[in-house]
Amino acid sequence: MFKSLKNPTVRGGLGLALSAALLAGSADAATLKIATMSPLTGDLSAIGLEIKRATELAIKDQAPAFRALGHTVVLTSFDDKGAPVTAALEIKRVIADRGILGVVGAYNSAVSNVIGEATAASKLTVISPASSNDALTTQGWLHFNRLVPPDRSHAVAALNYMTAELKVKTAFVVSDNTGYGNGLTKTIMAEMKKRGVEVVEYVGVSTDEEAAATVKKIKAAGMDLVYCGCYENVLAPVLKGMRAEGIKASFMGAGTLDSPSFVKRVGVDAEGAVFTTGFGPITSFTSAAGFIEKYKAAYGAVPSGMAGYAYDAATTLLMGIRTAGGKNVPTRIAVAAAVRKTNLPACFSGTANNCTTVSGAIGFANDGDRDRSRLLVMKFSPLLQAQIEKSYTINAK
């Protein structure tokens, strides 16, 4: 919204004038908006709230620089409930608000696909801190970027660990029937085929009843490892069901296990579970100390690695807006171009205020993948602490 208009609804000539100003840019001071799109209610609300909170902190940190340009920045948060159908409705509201210059989100890959498609025509910038589906950066979208490595990287790292450390020969693969789960498991199974790991069965699970039925199949199959490409609502009942039935097979997944709420759901059954993740513990980043302090002071909680990536996504978006507009109000197209050209350096000091990013250097390849990203293989210890087993640097092609 521009200036100090008290009524956000504008019509007629004034509405056309404001639209024209947004398209052409304006030198007047303005209130600029960014949005978050994440699950704020439902099974994934804990992680969705971290995206919102981290974005709030980024806005607070960038506020002085915007005030120096004569602008203020405000956040508008949207609840996608982790559901593509909901996201399709919410993103229409985002696009219609011409004051919004970019979106931090989504968490779920299927939701990111929906909002990426919906915003393609308007070139509204989208930066996902979490969505890893391979297809998201094959669409030719100039406005979509992400900070985490793609599923194909998870597949290689997962199979390296399966074959070298766990000596896996046979695997049972579970998808949660989401865009994320289906994409990840198909990529994993393609890599399994290359490495000589036999997939004894592949099933989709959406409900607790289906999870219980799948546990029975797993018990009858007698394989070495269960791979679950699933969000927490499926991960938890499958893993808990396995351990309740005395099934000793190794259990593996991806970044959806990298959450404090996952451990709360499964308790002692988390021990020994292995996962690949683009996040990792927030303390593993040398530049995270200041962010951790600010987050704890603001919210009374320790942030996850996911929150660090959300902070970096928001910071990247905000700096793109400043670069594109300066004292003017930039167009959405200009913001998208500026963000794609991002070149933020790494920081190796953990004090509170001298690091721009948490997760290291940020730049993007032509397809929107991060130039260089980190991927970890982690395992839950008997104390239910996720410990780093392997670390990889992923270079975008």
Protein backbone atom coordinates (compact mmCIF):
# COMPACT_ATOMS: atom_id res chain seq x y z
CA MET A 1 0.00 0.00 0.00
CA PHE A 2 1.25 3.47 -0.81
CA LYS A 3 1.93 6.25 1.67
CA SER A 4 -0.51 6.65 4.52
CA LEU A 5 -3.80 5.71 2.88
CA LYS A 6 -6.08 4.52 5.64
CA ASN A 7 -8.49 2.65 3.40
CA PRO A 8 -6.77 -0.26 1.62
CA THR A 9 -9.61 -0.50 -0.93
CA VAL A 10 -9.11 1.88 -3.86
CA ARG A 11 -11.35 2.23 -6.88
CA GLY A 12 -11.74 4.20 -10.04
CA GLY A 13 -9.12 6.74 -11.12
CA LEU A 14 -7.17 6.55 -7.87
CA GLY A 15 -6.90 2.78 -8.18
CA LEU A 16 -5.61 3.12 -11.74
CA ALA A 17 -3.11 5.75 -10.64
CA LEU A 18 -1.76 3.51 -7.91
CA SER A 19 -1.50 0.56 -10.27
CA ALA A 20 0.38 2.70 -12.76
CA ALA A 21 2.76 3.88 -10.05
CA LEU A 22 3.49 0.31 -9.04
CA LEU A 23 4.21 -0.67 -12.62
CA ALA A 24 6.45 2.31 -13.36
CA GLY A 25 8.04 2.83 -9.95
CA SER A 26 7.58 5.82 -7.66
CA ALA A 27 10.02 8.12 -5.90
CA ASP A 28 7.55 8.77 -3.06
CA ALA A 29 8.01 7.18 0.35
CA ALA A 30 5.90 4.07 0.63
CA THR A 31 4.91 1.14 2.75
CA LEU A 32 6.27 -1.93 1.00
CA LYS A 33 4.97 -5.43 1.65
CA ILE A 34 6.36 -8.92 1.51
CA ALA A 35 4.39 -12.08 2.20
CA THR A 36 5.03 -15.47 3.73
CA MET A 37 3.25 -18.58 2.50
CA SER A 38 3.49 -21.46 4.97
CA PRO A 39 1.33 -23.84 7.03
CA LEU A 40 0.23 -21.89 10.10
CA THR A 41 -2.45 -24.38 11.12
CA GLY A 42 -2.55 -28.17 10.93
CA ASP A 43 0.10 -30.86 11.25
CA LEU A 44 2.95 -28.72 9.89
CA SER A 45 2.15 -25.51 11.75
CA ALA A 46 5.26 -25.64 13.96
CA ILE A 47 7.60 -25.42 10.98
CA GLY A 48 5.31 -22.97 9.17
CA LEU A 49 5.39 -20.64 12.15
CA GLU A 50 9.20 -20.64 12.04
CA ILE A 51 9.09 -19.35 8.47
CA LYS A 52 6.85 -16.48 9.56
CA ARG A 53 8.93 -15.65 12.64
CA ALA A 54 12.25 -15.72 10.81
CA THR A 55 10.84 -13.40 8.15
CA GLU A 56 9.70 -11.01 10.87
CA LEU A 57 13.24 -10.91 12.22
CA ALA A 58 14.70 -10.26 8.77
CA ILE A 59 12.31 -7.34 8.28
CA LYS A 60 13.32 -5.93 11.66
CA ASP A 61 17.01 -6.20 10.77
CA GLN A 62 16.52 -4.58 7.36
CA ALA A 63 14.17 -1.83 8.60
CA PRO A 64 16.88 0.83 9.18
CA ALA A 65 18.15 0.48 5.61
CA PHE A 66 14.62 0.89 4.27
CA ARG A 67 13.93 3.88 6.52
CA ALA A 68 17.04 5.53 5.12
CA LEU A 69 15.41 5.23 1.70
CA GLY A 70 12.14 6.66 3.02
CA HIS A 71 10.28 3.34 3.13
CA THR A 72 8.82 0.98 5.68
CA VAL A 73 8.32 -2.75 5.17
CA VAL A 74 5.47 -4.80 6.58
CA LEU A 75 4.73 -8.52 6.53
CA THR A 76 1.52 -10.15 5.41
CA SER A 77 1.32 -13.85 6.32
CA PHE A 78 -0.82 -16.40 4.51
CA ASP A 79 -1.74 -19.87 5.80
CA ASP A 80 -1.51 -22.48 3.04
CA LYS A 81 -2.22 -25.31 5.54
CA GLY A 82 0.37 -27.35 3.65
CA ALA A 83 -2.30 -27.99 1.00
CA PRO A 84 -2.03 -27.06 -2.70
CA VAL A 85 -5.79 -26.41 -2.93
CA THR A 86 -5.61 -23.87 -0.10
CA ALA A 87 -2.45 -22.35 -1.53
CA ALA A 88 -4.16 -21.84 -4.91
CA LEU A 89 -6.77 -19.66 -3.21
CA GLU A 90 -4.33 -17.79 -0.98
CA ILE A 91 -1.88 -16.95 -3.75
CA LYS A 92 -4.67 -15.19 -5.66
CA ARG A 93 -5.01 -12.84 -2.70
CA VAL A 94 -1.26 -12.26 -2.72
CA ILE A 95 -1.13 -11.46 -6.43
CA ALA A 96 -4.13 -9.12 -6.15
CA ASP A 97 -2.38 -7.03 -3.48
CA ARG A 98 -0.13 -4.93 -5.69
CA GLY A 99 1.78 -3.68 -2.66
CA ILE A 100 3.30 -7.15 -2.14
CA LEU A 101 6.69 -7.34 -3.87
CA GLY A 102 7.70 -10.91 -3.04
CA VAL A 103 6.92 -14.13 -1.21
CA VAL A 104 8.97 -16.16 1.26
CA GLY A 105 7.78 -19.76 0.96
CA ALA A 106 6.53 -22.29 0.57
CA TYR A 107 7.57 -25.18 2.76
CA ASN A 108 5.83 -27.97 0.83
CA SER A 109 7.05 -28.68 -2.70
CA ALA A 110 3.53 -29.17 -4.04
CA VAL A 111 2.54 -25.79 -2.64
CA SER A 112 5.64 -24.16 -4.16
CA ASN A 113 4.64 -25.60 -7.52
CA VAL A 114 1.18 -24.05 -7.24
CA ILE A 115 2.44 -20.62 -6.26
CA GLY A 116 5.28 -20.74 -8.78
CA GLU A 117 2.81 -21.36 -11.60
CA ALA A 118 0.33 -18.79 -10.32
CA THR A 119 2.92 -16.01 -10.03
CA ALA A 120 4.69 -16.68 -13.32
CA ALA A 121 2.67 -14.12 -15.29
CA SER A 122 3.08 -11.33 -12.74
CA LYS A 123 6.78 -12.16 -12.12
CA LEU A 124 6.17 -11.88 -8.37
CA THR A 125 9.36 -13.13 -6.72
CA VAL A 126 9.13 -16.38 -4.76
CA ILE A 127 12.01 -17.66 -2.63
CA SER A 128 11.49 -21.04 -1.01
CA PRO A 129 13.65 -21.88 1.99
CA ALA A 130 12.66 -25.54 1.86
CA SER A 131 11.03 -27.01 -1.28
CA SER A 132 13.32 -29.57 -2.90
CA ASN A 133 11.30 -31.18 -5.73
CA ASP A 134 13.50 -31.45 -8.82
CA ALA A 135 10.84 -30.10 -11.21
CA LEU A 136 10.55 -26.73 -9.48
CA THR A 137 13.66 -25.38 -11.18
CA THR A 138 12.99 -26.93 -14.59
CA GLN A 139 10.03 -24.70 -15.47
CA GLY A 140 12.01 -21.78 -16.85
CA TRP A 141 10.67 -19.53 -14.09
CA LEU A 142 12.71 -16.34 -13.75
CA HIS A 143 10.91 -15.36 -10.55
CA PHE A 144 11.29 -18.58 -8.52
CA ASN A 145 14.38 -19.40 -6.44
CA ARG A 146 15.20 -21.77 -3.59
CA LEU A 147 17.91 -22.16 -0.98
CA VAL A 148 17.98 -25.94 -0.42
CA PRO A 149 19.47 -28.60 -2.71
CA PRO A 150 17.12 -30.60 -4.97
CA ASP A 151 15.86 -34.14 -4.47
CA ARG A 152 18.41 -35.59 -6.89
CA SER A 153 21.15 -34.53 -4.46
CA HIS A 154 19.32 -36.22 -1.58
CA ALA A 155 19.10 -39.41 -3.63
CA VAL A 156 22.84 -39.61 -4.24
CA ALA A 157 23.72 -38.86 -0.61
CA ALA A 158 21.10 -41.29 0.71
CA LEU A 159 22.32 -44.14 -1.48
CA ASN A 160 25.94 -43.45 -0.61
CA TYR A 161 25.06 -43.94 3.05
CA MET A 162 22.71 -46.88 2.48
CA THR A 163 25.20 -48.92 0.51
CA ALA A 164 28.45 -47.96 2.26
CA GLU A 165 27.35 -47.64 5.90
CA LEU A 166 24.16 -49.70 6.21
CA LYS A 167 24.99 -52.33 3.56
CA VAL A 168 21.42 -52.19 2.28
CA LYS A 169 20.42 -54.72 -0.38
CA THR A 170 16.61 -54.50 -0.19
CA ALA A 171 14.31 -51.58 0.58
CA PHE A 172 10.62 -50.87 1.14
CA VAL A 173 9.67 -47.39 -0.12
CA VAL A 174 6.77 -45.28 1.20
CA SER A 175 5.40 -42.03 -0.22
CA ASP A 176 2.85 -39.81 1.50
CA ASN A 177 1.08 -39.17 -1.82
CA THR A 178 2.11 -35.50 -1.89
CA GLY A 179 4.05 -33.78 -4.65
CA TYR A 180 7.06 -33.79 -2.34
CA GLY A 181 6.79 -37.46 -1.39
CA ASN A 182 6.07 -38.74 -4.89
CA GLY A 183 8.89 -36.73 -6.45
CA LEU A 184 11.43 -37.66 -3.80
CA THR A 185 10.65 -41.38 -3.73
CA LYS A 186 10.73 -41.73 -7.50
CA THR A 187 14.12 -40.03 -7.56
CA ILE A 188 15.34 -42.24 -4.73
CA MET A 189 14.14 -45.41 -6.46
CA ALA A 190 15.88 -44.44 -9.70
CA GLU A 191 19.12 -44.11 -7.74
CA MET A 192 18.44 -47.42 -5.96
CA LYS A 193 18.16 -49.12 -9.33
CA LYS A 194 21.53 -47.69 -10.37
CA ARG A 195 23.15 -48.91 -7.14
CA GLY A 196 21.68 -52.41 -7.17
CA VAL A 197 19.29 -51.95 -4.23
CA GLU A 198 16.09 -53.95 -4.77
CA VAL A 199 12.79 -52.20 -4.06
CA VAL A 200 10.59 -54.96 -2.63
CA GLU A 201 7.47 -52.77 -2.59
CA TYR A 202 6.37 -49.16 -3.14
CA VAL A 203 3.22 -47.86 -1.43
CA GLY A 204 1.41 -44.60 -0.91
CA VAL A 205 0.12 -43.65 2.54
CA SER A 206 -2.18 -40.76 3.42
CA THR A 207 -4.07 -41.86 6.54
CA ASP A 208 -3.35 -43.58 9.85
CA GLU A 209 -5.30 -46.60 8.62
CA GLU A 210 -3.11 -46.86 5.53
CA ALA A 211 -0.02 -46.45 7.70
CA ALA A 212 -1.12 -49.37 9.89
CA ALA A 213 -1.74 -51.54 6.82
CA THR A 214 1.66 -50.59 5.43
CA VAL A 215 3.40 -51.59 8.67
CA LYS A 216 1.92 -55.07 8.25
CA LYS A 217 3.31 -55.24 4.70
CA ILE A 218 6.71 -54.08 5.93
CA LYS A 219 6.75 -56.79 8.59
CA ALA A 220 5.90 -59.46 6.04
CA ALA A 221 8.48 -58.21 3.52
CA GLY A 222 11.55 -58.59 5.75
CA MET A 223 13.76 -56.02 3.97
CA ASP A 224 16.90 -54.19 5.14
CA LEU A 225 15.57 -50.63 5.11
CA VAL A 226 12.36 -48.61 4.95
CA TYR A 227 12.63 -45.32 3.09
CA CYS A 228 9.79 -42.87 3.78
CA GLY A 229 9.44 -39.84 1.52
CA CYS A 230 6.83 -38.29 3.78
CA TYR A 231 5.82 -35.37 5.94
CA GLU A 232 5.52 -35.85 9.69
CA ASN A 233 1.87 -36.91 9.68
CA VAL A 234 2.89 -40.08 7.79
CA LEU A 235 6.46 -40.47 9.05
CA ALA A 236 5.35 -40.75 12.67
CA PRO A 237 2.73 -43.51 12.44
CA VAL A 238 4.85 -45.59 10.06
CA LEU A 239 7.97 -45.45 12.23
CA LYS A 240 6.13 -45.89 15.53
CA GLY A 241 4.14 -48.75 14.05
CA MET A 242 7.29 -50.48 12.87
CA ARG A 243 8.96 -50.31 16.25
CA ALA A 244 5.78 -51.39 18.04
CA GLU A 245 5.75 -54.50 15.83
CA GLY A 246 9.39 -55.22 16.64
CA ILE A 247 10.61 -54.44 13.12
CA LYS A 248 14.35 -53.77 13.33
CA ALA A 249 14.92 -52.60 9.73
CA SER A 250 16.75 -49.31 9.28
CA PHE A 251 14.55 -46.27 8.73
CA MET A 252 15.48 -43.38 6.47
CA GLY A 253 13.90 -40.21 5.14
CA ALA A 254 14.80 -36.65 4.18
CA GLY A 255 14.51 -33.14 5.58
CA THR A 256 11.06 -33.63 7.10
CA LEU A 257 12.75 -35.56 9.93
CA ASP A 258 14.89 -32.50 10.59
CA SER A 259 12.42 -30.93 13.00
CA PRO A 260 12.01 -30.83 16.79
CA SER A 261 8.32 -31.62 16.31
CA PHE A 262 9.23 -34.93 14.62
CA VAL A 263 11.09 -36.11 17.73
CA LYS A 264 8.17 -35.03 19.91
CA ARG A 265 5.83 -37.12 17.76
CA VAL A 266 7.85 -40.35 17.76
CA GLY A 267 9.81 -40.15 21.03
CA VAL A 268 12.32 -42.95 21.62
CA ASP A 269 11.45 -44.53 18.28
CA ALA A 270 13.49 -41.80 16.60
CA GLU A 271 16.72 -43.51 17.74
CA GLY A 272 18.74 -44.74 14.79
CA ALA A 273 16.62 -43.03 12.12
CA VAL A 274 18.75 -41.57 9.33
CA PHE A 275 17.89 -38.64 7.10
CA THR A 276 19.36 -36.33 4.49
CA THR A 277 18.73 -32.64 4.98
CA GLY A 278 19.58 -29.29 3.54
CA PHE A 279 19.02 -27.70 6.93
CA GLY A 280 20.87 -29.34 9.81
CA PRO A 281 21.29 -27.94 13.31
CA ILE A 282 21.29 -24.15 13.43
CA THR A 283 24.45 -24.28 15.52
CA SER A 284 26.36 -25.92 12.67
CA PHE A 285 26.54 -22.58 10.83
CA THR A 286 29.45 -20.42 11.96
CA SER A 287 27.41 -17.25 11.43
CA ALA A 288 24.30 -18.37 13.34
CA ALA A 289 25.02 -17.14 16.87
CA GLY A 290 23.55 -13.68 16.38
CA PHE A 291 20.44 -15.07 14.73
CA ILE A 292 19.92 -17.59 17.53
CA GLU A 293 20.18 -14.83 20.13
CA LYS A 294 17.66 -12.63 18.33
CA TYR A 295 15.22 -15.48 17.78
CA LYS A 296 15.35 -16.60 21.41
CA ALA A 297 14.89 -13.04 22.63
CA ALA A 298 11.89 -12.49 20.39
CA TYR A 299 10.09 -15.83 20.72
CA GLY A 300 11.52 -17.62 23.75
CA ALA A 301 12.55 -20.64 21.68
CA VAL A 302 15.64 -21.99 19.95
CA PRO A 303 15.25 -21.84 16.14
CA SER A 304 15.76 -24.84 13.91
CA GLY A 305 17.99 -24.87 10.85
CA MET A 306 14.80 -24.37 8.84
CA ALA A 307 14.31 -20.99 10.52
CA GLY A 308 17.82 -19.95 9.50
CA TYR A 309 17.03 -20.69 5.87
CA ALA A 310 13.74 -18.77 6.10
CA TYR A 311 15.63 -15.79 7.54
CA ASP A 312 18.07 -15.97 4.62
CA ALA A 313 15.24 -16.22 2.09
CA ALA A 314 13.60 -13.13 3.55
CA THR A 315 16.89 -11.23 3.72
CA THR A 316 17.62 -12.09 0.08
CA LEU A 317 14.18 -10.86 -0.96
CA LEU A 318 14.47 -7.63 1.03
CA MET A 319 17.91 -6.82 -0.36
CA GLY A 320 16.59 -7.51 -3.85
CA ILE A 321 13.80 -5.00 -3.27
CA ARG A 322 16.31 -2.38 -2.10
CA THR A 323 18.59 -3.04 -5.07
CA ALA A 324 15.73 -2.84 -7.55
CA GLY A 325 14.09 0.27 -6.16
CA GLY A 326 16.36 2.39 -4.03
CA LYS A 327 14.24 5.40 -3.09
CA ASN A 328 11.66 4.36 -5.67
CA VAL A 329 9.04 1.65 -5.40
CA PRO A 330 10.33 -1.13 -7.65
CA THR A 331 8.23 -3.16 -10.02
CA ARG A 332 7.76 -6.85 -9.38
CA ILE A 333 9.72 -7.64 -12.53
CA ALA A 334 12.64 -5.53 -11.33
CA VAL A 335 12.66 -7.29 -7.96
CA ALA A 336 12.71 -10.70 -9.64
CA ALA A 337 15.67 -9.68 -11.79
CA ALA A 338 17.57 -8.26 -8.81
CA VAL A 339 17.00 -11.36 -6.69
CA ARG A 340 18.21 -13.69 -9.44
CA LYS A 341 21.45 -11.67 -9.55
CA THR A 342 21.96 -11.96 -5.76
CA ASN A 343 25.57 -12.28 -4.62
CA LEU A 344 25.70 -12.32 -0.82
CA PRO A 345 29.04 -13.38 0.70
CA ALA A 346 29.56 -15.92 3.44
CA CYS A 347 30.21 -14.66 6.95
CA PHE A 348 32.49 -16.38 9.43
CA SER A 349 31.77 -14.37 12.56
CA GLY A 350 28.93 -15.30 14.85
CA THR A 351 28.36 -12.00 16.64
CA ALA A 352 24.87 -10.60 16.77
CA ASN A 353 24.80 -7.91 14.11
CA ASN A 354 27.59 -8.30 11.58
CA CYS A 355 26.40 -11.26 9.47
CA THR A 356 23.96 -10.76 6.61
CA THR A 357 23.12 -14.44 6.20
CA VAL A 358 22.92 -17.46 8.47
CA SER A 359 23.55 -20.29 6.02
CA GLY A 360 26.49 -18.86 4.08
CA ALA A 361 26.98 -17.33 0.65
CA ILE A 362 23.85 -16.93 -1.47
CA GLY A 363 23.69 -16.69 -5.23
CA PHE A 364 21.48 -18.36 -7.82
CA ALA A 365 22.09 -20.30 -11.02
CA ASN A 366 20.06 -19.47 -14.12
CA ASP A 367 17.35 -21.94 -13.14
CA GLY A 368 16.85 -20.55 -9.61
CA ASP A 369 18.79 -23.23 -7.74
CA ARG A 370 21.33 -21.94 -5.23
CA ASP A 371 24.86 -21.80 -6.64
CA ARG A 372 26.30 -23.75 -3.72
CA SER A 373 24.30 -25.47 -1.01
CA ARG A 374 24.99 -27.87 1.82
CA LEU A 375 23.52 -31.33 2.24
CA LEU A 376 23.95 -33.41 5.39
CA VAL A 377 23.36 -37.04 6.30
CA MET A 378 22.24 -37.19 9.93
CA LYS A 379 21.32 -39.90 12.43
CA PHE A 380 19.43 -39.79 15.72
CA SER A 381 21.55 -40.91 18.66
CA PRO A 382 20.29 -42.89 21.69
CA LEU A 383 19.80 -39.48 23.34
CA LEU A 384 17.58 -38.50 20.36
CA GLN A 385 20.07 -35.91 19.21
CA ALA A 386 20.51 -35.63 15.45
CA GLN A 387 24.22 -36.01 14.72
CA ILE A 388 25.99 -35.25 11.45
CA GLU A 389 27.28 -38.37 9.72
CA LYS A 390 28.30 -36.94 6.34
CA SER A 391 28.45 -33.49 4.75
CA TYR A 392 28.30 -32.63 1.05
CA THR A 393 28.61 -29.39 -0.92
CA ILE A 394 26.14 -29.29 -3.80
CA ASN A 395 27.02 -27.16 -6.83
CA ALA A 396 24.18 -26.11 -9.12
CA LYS A 397 24.63 -27.14 -12.73
